[in-house]
Amino acid sequence: MIDLLSEGTQANKLTRKEIILKGTIIAIFVFIPSLSTFFLFWWILDDLLQATVIGGIVHFIAMGFSLKISRKFLTKKRIS
């Protein structure tokens, strides 16, 4: 009986490879939009401070979306 319970809890855990893969995907969701916005506005405005502020705002917006994306697509489904 105890073995069945330990097997059930092990089945819901993510492996190290899955954690690294899913973490990389989330990092790309946050990194690409914020960095591209920063460089685009730095090139357009020619002002490093304004580009940094705009890139930071986009970064936090992307972090909010990545939280929702990770909860919906990247979590392991529980087996009942």
C-alpha atoms as a PDB file:
ATOM      1  CA  MET A   1       0.000   0.000   0.000  1.00  0.00           C
ATOM      2  CA  ILE A   2       2.818   2.384   0.839  1.00  0.00           C
ATOM      3  CA  ASP A   3       4.562   1.577  -2.447  1.00  0.00           C
ATOM      4  CA  LEU A   4       1.438   2.545  -4.401  1.00  0.00           C
ATOM      5  CA  LEU A   5       1.311   5.924  -2.691  1.00  0.00           C
ATOM      6  CA  SER A   6       4.970   6.676  -3.332  1.00  0.00           C
ATOM      7  CA  GLU A   7       4.614   5.691  -6.988  1.00  0.00           C
ATOM      8  CA  GLY A   8       1.618   8.014  -7.352  1.00  0.00           C
ATOM      9  CA  THR A   9       3.497  10.997  -5.950  1.00  0.00           C
ATOM     10  CA  GLN A  10       6.519  10.247  -8.132  1.00  0.00           C
ATOM     11  CA  ALA A  11       4.321  10.160 -11.249  1.00  0.00           C
ATOM     12  CA  ASN A  12       3.200  13.777 -10.689  1.00  0.00           C
ATOM     13  CA  LYS A  13       6.723  15.164 -10.286  1.00  0.00           C
ATOM     14  CA  LEU A  14       8.602  16.706 -13.189  1.00  0.00           C
ATOM     15  CA  THR A  15      11.965  15.357 -14.210  1.00  0.00           C
ATOM     16  CA  ARG A  16      15.004  17.589 -14.342  1.00  0.00           C
ATOM     17  CA  LYS A  17      14.937  17.560 -18.138  1.00  0.00           C
ATOM     18  CA  GLU A  18      11.275  18.652 -18.202  1.00  0.00           C
ATOM     19  CA  ILE A  19      11.979  21.484 -15.752  1.00  0.00           C
ATOM     20  CA  ILE A  20      14.895  22.763 -17.843  1.00  0.00           C
ATOM     21  CA  LEU A  21      12.912  22.542 -21.083  1.00  0.00           C
ATOM     22  CA  LYS A  22       9.823  24.262 -19.701  1.00  0.00           C
ATOM     23  CA  GLY A  23      11.900  26.921 -17.952  1.00  0.00           C
ATOM     24  CA  THR A  24      13.690  27.673 -21.206  1.00  0.00           C
ATOM     25  CA  ILE A  25      10.388  28.053 -23.028  1.00  0.00           C
ATOM     26  CA  ILE A  26       9.100  30.489 -20.411  1.00  0.00           C
ATOM     27  CA  ALA A  27      12.371  32.440 -20.528  1.00  0.00           C
ATOM     28  CA  ILE A  28      12.011  32.799 -24.296  1.00  0.00           C
ATOM     29  CA  PHE A  29       8.442  34.093 -23.845  1.00  0.00           C
ATOM     30  CA  VAL A  30       9.769  36.831 -21.555  1.00  0.00           C
ATOM     31  CA  PHE A  31      13.170  37.501 -23.118  1.00  0.00           C
ATOM     32  CA  ILE A  32      12.352  37.949 -26.812  1.00  0.00           C
ATOM     33  CA  PRO A  33       9.595  40.599 -26.564  1.00  0.00           C
ATOM     34  CA  SER A  34      11.331  42.709 -23.927  1.00  0.00           C
ATOM     35  CA  LEU A  35      14.739  42.668 -25.573  1.00  0.00           C
ATOM     36  CA  SER A  36      13.414  43.326 -29.065  1.00  0.00           C
ATOM     37  CA  THR A  37      11.267  46.203 -27.763  1.00  0.00           C
ATOM     38  CA  PHE A  38      14.256  47.667 -25.956  1.00  0.00           C
ATOM     39  CA  PHE A  39      16.500  47.613 -29.049  1.00  0.00           C
ATOM     40  CA  LEU A  40      13.732  48.849 -31.344  1.00  0.00           C
ATOM     41  CA  PHE A  41      12.910  51.845 -29.176  1.00  0.00           C
ATOM     42  CA  TRP A  42      16.592  52.568 -28.540  1.00  0.00           C
ATOM     43  CA  TRP A  43      17.133  52.687 -32.293  1.00  0.00           C
ATOM     44  CA  ILE A  44      13.997  54.800 -32.940  1.00  0.00           C
ATOM     45  CA  LEU A  45      14.272  57.230 -30.021  1.00  0.00           C
ATOM     46  CA  ASP A  46      18.064  57.242 -29.676  1.00  0.00           C
ATOM     47  CA  ASP A  47      17.572  57.526 -25.910  1.00  0.00           C
ATOM     48  CA  LEU A  48      18.818  54.716 -23.686  1.00  0.00           C
ATOM     49  CA  LEU A  49      16.763  55.674 -20.617  1.00  0.00           C
ATOM     50  CA  GLN A  50      13.414  55.801 -22.404  1.00  0.00           C
ATOM     51  CA  ALA A  51      14.154  52.549 -24.204  1.00  0.00           C
ATOM     52  CA  THR A  52      15.024  50.917 -20.874  1.00  0.00           C
ATOM     53  CA  VAL A  53      11.777  52.044 -19.270  1.00  0.00           C
ATOM     54  CA  ILE A  54       9.671  50.889 -22.237  1.00  0.00           C
ATOM     55  CA  GLY A  55      11.557  47.574 -22.374  1.00  0.00           C
ATOM     56  CA  GLY A  56      10.997  47.104 -18.633  1.00  0.00           C
ATOM     57  CA  ILE A  57       7.274  47.707 -18.978  1.00  0.00           C
ATOM     58  CA  VAL A  58       7.051  45.186 -21.817  1.00  0.00           C
ATOM     59  CA  HIS A  59       9.125  42.756 -19.746  1.00  0.00           C
ATOM     60  CA  PHE A  60       6.665  42.822 -16.834  1.00  0.00           C
ATOM     61  CA  ILE A  61       3.694  42.489 -19.182  1.00  0.00           C
ATOM     62  CA  ALA A  62       5.386  39.459 -20.782  1.00  0.00           C
ATOM     63  CA  MET A  63       6.015  37.973 -17.333  1.00  0.00           C
ATOM     64  CA  GLY A  64       2.303  38.225 -16.577  1.00  0.00           C
ATOM     65  CA  PHE A  65       1.413  36.455 -19.809  1.00  0.00           C
ATOM     66  CA  SER A  66       4.086  33.807 -19.269  1.00  0.00           C
ATOM     67  CA  LEU A  67       2.558  32.935 -15.898  1.00  0.00           C
ATOM     68  CA  LYS A  68      -0.784  32.286 -17.559  1.00  0.00           C
ATOM     69  CA  ILE A  69       0.835  30.354 -20.396  1.00  0.00           C
ATOM     70  CA  SER A  70       2.846  28.191 -18.017  1.00  0.00           C
ATOM     71  CA  ARG A  71      -0.200  27.330 -15.932  1.00  0.00           C
ATOM     72  CA  LYS A  72      -2.216  26.388 -18.998  1.00  0.00           C
ATOM     73  CA  PHE A  73       0.269  24.567 -21.237  1.00  0.00           C
ATOM     74  CA  LEU A  74       3.374  23.634 -19.287  1.00  0.00           C
ATOM     75  CA  THR A  75       2.077  22.015 -16.120  1.00  0.00           C
ATOM     76  CA  LYS A  76       1.846  18.291 -15.781  1.00  0.00           C
ATOM     77  CA  LYS A  77      -1.704  16.978 -15.636  1.00  0.00           C
ATOM     78  CA  ARG A  78      -2.673  15.140 -12.472  1.00  0.00           C
ATOM     79  CA  ILE A  79      -3.771  11.576 -12.878  1.00  0.00           C
ATOM     80  CA  SER A  80      -6.769  10.795 -10.693  1.00  0.00           C
END
